[in-house]
Amino acid sequence: MRMTPRRLALGMSLWIPNLFSGIRVRRFSDDWTRATVELHVNVLTRNYVKTAFGGSMSAMTDPYFFMLVMHQLGRDYVVWDTRGEIEFVKPGRGVLTAHFEVPREKAQELRERARGGARVLEWFETEIMDRDGDVVARVRREVYVREKKRVTQAA
């Protein structure tokens, strides 16, 4: 069965770590260039002062840039999420949203830079917003890309 954006969004929303962390994947675009993820701040996902737990906000941003890159590049590339940074701007309450985008041009650039087995590290950025559109946190995630050895050796 082929993985479609809709199946992946549903599967990621039902995946136990996300399900019990209040994380819902609203959508992956059909061309794998965008994703939208929500965090529902509730009794399980809030901290001592009843605002969004920082670990939950970090978890809501963990795999999405790497997944967008991986699906655009295909099976000939190794793609990993290697590092993350988060800057907390204001307390998060209610439903928080993060939008992820990896344009086709950026994926093509990564493909070219990784050609021949080169190790590529690329930072991606997004913001976590509340319902009013206020920035709650700024997030950076580093993605590792390399052409697989079997492809490099065949060339």
C-alpha atoms as a PDB file:
ATOM      1  CA  MET A   1       0.000   0.000   0.000  1.00  0.00           C
ATOM      2  CA  ARG A   2       1.419   3.371  -1.048  1.00  0.00           C
ATOM      3  CA  MET A   3       1.796   6.054   1.625  1.00  0.00           C
ATOM      4  CA  THR A   4      -0.386   9.001   0.721  1.00  0.00           C
ATOM      5  CA  PRO A   5      -0.350  12.394   2.451  1.00  0.00           C
ATOM      6  CA  ARG A   6      -3.794  11.737   3.886  1.00  0.00           C
ATOM      7  CA  ARG A   7      -2.822   8.310   5.281  1.00  0.00           C
ATOM      8  CA  LEU A   8       0.339   9.714   6.823  1.00  0.00           C
ATOM      9  CA  ALA A   9      -1.544  12.591   8.487  1.00  0.00           C
ATOM     10  CA  LEU A  10      -4.080  10.167   9.957  1.00  0.00           C
ATOM     11  CA  GLY A  11      -1.405   7.682  11.015  1.00  0.00           C
ATOM     12  CA  MET A  12       0.705  10.379  12.676  1.00  0.00           C
ATOM     13  CA  SER A  13      -2.354  11.713  14.534  1.00  0.00           C
ATOM     14  CA  LEU A  14      -3.191   8.219  15.828  1.00  0.00           C
ATOM     15  CA  TRP A  15       0.422   7.321  16.650  1.00  0.00           C
ATOM     16  CA  ILE A  16       0.425   6.849  20.421  1.00  0.00           C
ATOM     17  CA  PRO A  17       3.086   9.494  21.289  1.00  0.00           C
ATOM     18  CA  ASN A  18       1.139  12.126  19.319  1.00  0.00           C
ATOM     19  CA  LEU A  19      -2.330  10.939  20.301  1.00  0.00           C
ATOM     20  CA  PHE A  20      -1.666  11.207  24.023  1.00  0.00           C
ATOM     21  CA  SER A  21       0.339  14.423  23.630  1.00  0.00           C
ATOM     22  CA  GLY A  22      -2.569  16.303  22.063  1.00  0.00           C
ATOM     23  CA  ILE A  23      -0.764  16.532  18.716  1.00  0.00           C
ATOM     24  CA  ARG A  24      -2.895  16.318  15.567  1.00  0.00           C
ATOM     25  CA  VAL A  25      -1.564  16.393  12.031  1.00  0.00           C
ATOM     26  CA  ARG A  26      -4.155  18.365  10.093  1.00  0.00           C
ATOM     27  CA  ARG A  27      -2.675  17.775   6.668  1.00  0.00           C
ATOM     28  CA  PHE A  28       0.235  17.064   4.389  1.00  0.00           C
ATOM     29  CA  SER A  29      -0.085  18.718   0.987  1.00  0.00           C
ATOM     30  CA  ASP A  30      -0.482  16.390  -1.988  1.00  0.00           C
ATOM     31  CA  ASP A  31       2.957  17.401  -3.309  1.00  0.00           C
ATOM     32  CA  TRP A  32       4.687  16.885   0.097  1.00  0.00           C
ATOM     33  CA  THR A  33       5.767  20.545   0.306  1.00  0.00           C
ATOM     34  CA  ARG A  34       3.649  21.557   3.330  1.00  0.00           C
ATOM     35  CA  ALA A  35       2.262  20.187   6.577  1.00  0.00           C
ATOM     36  CA  THR A  36       0.074  21.646   9.312  1.00  0.00           C
ATOM     37  CA  VAL A  37       0.188  20.353  12.883  1.00  0.00           C
ATOM     38  CA  GLU A  38      -1.838  21.346  15.951  1.00  0.00           C
ATOM     39  CA  LEU A  39      -1.208  20.952  19.661  1.00  0.00           C
ATOM     40  CA  HIS A  40      -4.261  20.946  21.890  1.00  0.00           C
ATOM     41  CA  VAL A  41      -3.186  22.274  25.284  1.00  0.00           C
ATOM     42  CA  ASN A  42      -5.062  20.280  27.914  1.00  0.00           C
ATOM     43  CA  VAL A  43      -4.506  18.652  31.296  1.00  0.00           C
ATOM     44  CA  LEU A  44      -2.048  16.165  29.740  1.00  0.00           C
ATOM     45  CA  THR A  45      -0.050  18.695  27.700  1.00  0.00           C
ATOM     46  CA  ARG A  46       0.256  21.656  30.019  1.00  0.00           C
ATOM     47  CA  ASN A  47       2.863  22.524  32.597  1.00  0.00           C
ATOM     48  CA  TYR A  48       2.698  23.543  36.255  1.00  0.00           C
ATOM     49  CA  VAL A  49       1.337  27.010  35.411  1.00  0.00           C
ATOM     50  CA  LYS A  50      -1.280  25.591  33.012  1.00  0.00           C
ATOM     51  CA  THR A  51       0.344  26.701  29.750  1.00  0.00           C
ATOM     52  CA  ALA A  52       1.730  24.509  26.959  1.00  0.00           C
ATOM     53  CA  PHE A  53       4.506  22.179  28.135  1.00  0.00           C
ATOM     54  CA  GLY A  54       7.709  22.970  26.218  1.00  0.00           C
ATOM     55  CA  GLY A  55       8.318  19.284  25.509  1.00  0.00           C
ATOM     56  CA  SER A  56       4.926  19.042  23.821  1.00  0.00           C
ATOM     57  CA  MET A  57       5.714  22.053  21.635  1.00  0.00           C
ATOM     58  CA  SER A  58       9.051  20.525  20.698  1.00  0.00           C
ATOM     59  CA  ALA A  59       7.399  17.167  19.942  1.00  0.00           C
ATOM     60  CA  MET A  60       4.825  18.813  17.678  1.00  0.00           C
ATOM     61  CA  THR A  61       7.655  20.035  15.438  1.00  0.00           C
ATOM     62  CA  ASP A  62       9.948  17.006  15.587  1.00  0.00           C
ATOM     63  CA  PRO A  63       9.593  14.957  12.393  1.00  0.00           C
ATOM     64  CA  TYR A  64       7.787  17.136   9.883  1.00  0.00           C
ATOM     65  CA  PHE A  65      10.586  18.907   8.018  1.00  0.00           C
ATOM     66  CA  PHE A  66      12.487  15.651   7.614  1.00  0.00           C
ATOM     67  CA  MET A  67       9.333  13.871   6.432  1.00  0.00           C
ATOM     68  CA  LEU A  68       8.620  16.534   3.813  1.00  0.00           C
ATOM     69  CA  VAL A  69      12.207  16.317   2.542  1.00  0.00           C
ATOM     70  CA  MET A  70      12.195  12.501   2.599  1.00  0.00           C
ATOM     71  CA  HIS A  71       8.976  12.202   0.601  1.00  0.00           C
ATOM     72  CA  GLN A  72      10.148  14.719  -1.991  1.00  0.00           C
ATOM     73  CA  LEU A  73      13.600  13.147  -2.456  1.00  0.00           C
ATOM     74  CA  GLY A  74      12.447   9.530  -2.548  1.00  0.00           C
ATOM     75  CA  ARG A  75      14.101   6.236  -1.642  1.00  0.00           C
ATOM     76  CA  ASP A  76      17.564   7.056  -2.996  1.00  0.00           C
ATOM     77  CA  TYR A  77      18.362   9.363  -0.063  1.00  0.00           C
ATOM     78  CA  VAL A  78      18.966   8.983   3.654  1.00  0.00           C
ATOM     79  CA  VAL A  79      17.119  11.752   5.502  1.00  0.00           C
ATOM     80  CA  TRP A  80      17.235  12.320   9.278  1.00  0.00           C
ATOM     81  CA  ASP A  81      16.184  14.934  11.780  1.00  0.00           C
ATOM     82  CA  THR A  82      19.433  15.696  13.653  1.00  0.00           C
ATOM     83  CA  ARG A  83      18.924  18.727  15.903  1.00  0.00           C
ATOM     84  CA  GLY A  84      16.328  21.115  17.136  1.00  0.00           C
ATOM     85  CA  GLU A  85      16.182  24.487  18.841  1.00  0.00           C
ATOM     86  CA  ILE A  86      13.166  26.193  20.344  1.00  0.00           C
ATOM     87  CA  GLU A  87      12.775  29.745  21.604  1.00  0.00           C
ATOM     88  CA  PHE A  88       9.740  30.244  23.823  1.00  0.00           C
ATOM     89  CA  VAL A  89       8.201  33.672  23.153  1.00  0.00           C
ATOM     90  CA  LYS A  90       4.991  33.694  25.203  1.00  0.00           C
ATOM     91  CA  PRO A  91       2.820  31.214  27.122  1.00  0.00           C
ATOM     92  CA  GLY A  92       0.793  28.924  24.886  1.00  0.00           C
ATOM     93  CA  ARG A  93      -2.857  28.253  25.618  1.00  0.00           C
ATOM     94  CA  GLY A  94      -5.693  26.604  23.730  1.00  0.00           C
ATOM     95  CA  VAL A  95      -4.879  25.210  20.292  1.00  0.00           C
ATOM     96  CA  LEU A  96      -1.401  25.930  18.931  1.00  0.00           C
ATOM     97  CA  THR A  97      -0.541  25.547  15.241  1.00  0.00           C
ATOM     98  CA  ALA A  98       2.697  25.091  13.300  1.00  0.00           C
ATOM     99  CA  HIS A  99       3.017  25.208   9.511  1.00  0.00           C
ATOM    100  CA  PHE A 100       5.941  23.471   7.826  1.00  0.00           C
ATOM    101  CA  GLU A 101       7.106  24.173   4.291  1.00  0.00           C
ATOM    102  CA  VAL A 102       9.851  22.713   2.115  1.00  0.00           C
ATOM    103  CA  PRO A 103       9.465  24.173  -1.391  1.00  0.00           C
ATOM    104  CA  ARG A 104      10.270  21.932  -4.354  1.00  0.00           C
ATOM    105  CA  GLU A 105      13.211  24.200  -5.199  1.00  0.00           C
ATOM    106  CA  LYS A 106      14.738  23.597  -1.748  1.00  0.00           C
ATOM    107  CA  ALA A 107      14.306  19.820  -2.101  1.00  0.00           C
ATOM    108  CA  GLN A 108      15.966  19.953  -5.522  1.00  0.00           C
ATOM    109  CA  GLU A 109      18.848  21.965  -4.087  1.00  0.00           C
ATOM    110  CA  LEU A 110      19.314  19.363  -1.323  1.00  0.00           C
ATOM    111  CA  ARG A 111      19.226  16.572  -3.928  1.00  0.00           C
ATOM    112  CA  GLU A 112      21.987  18.266  -5.930  1.00  0.00           C
ATOM    113  CA  ARG A 113      24.137  19.030  -2.883  1.00  0.00           C
ATOM    114  CA  ALA A 114      23.857  15.406  -1.663  1.00  0.00           C
ATOM    115  CA  ARG A 115      24.704  13.902  -5.057  1.00  0.00           C
ATOM    116  CA  GLY A 116      27.697  11.568  -4.892  1.00  0.00           C
ATOM    117  CA  GLY A 117      27.203  10.769  -1.215  1.00  0.00           C
ATOM    118  CA  ALA A 118      27.971  14.213   0.205  1.00  0.00           C
ATOM    119  CA  ARG A 119      26.674  14.846   3.722  1.00  0.00           C
ATOM    120  CA  VAL A 120      24.274  17.816   3.759  1.00  0.00           C
ATOM    121  CA  LEU A 121      22.959  19.571   6.865  1.00  0.00           C
ATOM    122  CA  GLU A 122      20.184  22.128   6.398  1.00  0.00           C
ATOM    123  CA  TRP A 123      18.249  24.196   8.956  1.00  0.00           C
ATOM    124  CA  PHE A 124      14.506  24.811   8.580  1.00  0.00           C
ATOM    125  CA  GLU A 125      12.431  27.252  10.615  1.00  0.00           C
ATOM    126  CA  THR A 126       8.818  27.626  11.659  1.00  0.00           C
ATOM    127  CA  GLU A 127       6.745  29.387  14.288  1.00  0.00           C
ATOM    128  CA  ILE A 128       4.163  27.981  16.662  1.00  0.00           C
ATOM    129  CA  MET A 129       1.150  30.279  16.767  1.00  0.00           C
ATOM    130  CA  ASP A 130      -1.892  30.528  19.016  1.00  0.00           C
ATOM    131  CA  ARG A 131      -5.476  31.048  17.821  1.00  0.00           C
ATOM    132  CA  ASP A 132      -4.990  34.824  17.769  1.00  0.00           C
ATOM    133  CA  GLY A 133      -2.032  34.472  15.410  1.00  0.00           C
ATOM    134  CA  ASP A 134       0.482  35.440  18.088  1.00  0.00           C
ATOM    135  CA  VAL A 135       3.870  33.705  18.030  1.00  0.00           C
ATOM    136  CA  VAL A 136       4.247  31.365  20.995  1.00  0.00           C
ATOM    137  CA  ALA A 137       7.592  29.846  19.966  1.00  0.00           C
ATOM    138  CA  ARG A 138      10.170  29.937  17.176  1.00  0.00           C
ATOM    139  CA  VAL A 139      11.562  26.566  16.160  1.00  0.00           C
ATOM    140  CA  ARG A 140      14.580  25.513  14.106  1.00  0.00           C
ATOM    141  CA  ARG A 141      15.153  21.911  13.017  1.00  0.00           C
ATOM    142  CA  GLU A 142      18.269  20.584  11.307  1.00  0.00           C
ATOM    143  CA  VAL A 143      17.844  17.918   8.633  1.00  0.00           C
ATOM    144  CA  TYR A 144      20.584  15.579   7.393  1.00  0.00           C
ATOM    145  CA  VAL A 145      20.521  14.416   3.747  1.00  0.00           C
ATOM    146  CA  ARG A 146      22.836  12.022   1.905  1.00  0.00           C
ATOM    147  CA  GLU A 147      22.481  10.015  -1.274  1.00  0.00           C
ATOM    148  CA  LYS A 148      22.413   6.306  -0.394  1.00  0.00           C
ATOM    149  CA  LYS A 149      25.635   4.379  -0.955  1.00  0.00           C
ATOM    150  CA  ARG A 150      23.996   1.915  -3.341  1.00  0.00           C
ATOM    151  CA  VAL A 151      23.042   4.848  -5.600  1.00  0.00           C
ATOM    152  CA  THR A 152      26.456   6.518  -5.364  1.00  0.00           C
ATOM    153  CA  GLN A 153      28.265   3.265  -6.097  1.00  0.00           C
ATOM    154  CA  ALA A 154      26.023   2.469  -9.066  1.00  0.00           C
ATOM    155  CA  ALA A 155      26.834   5.821 -10.663  1.00  0.00           C
END
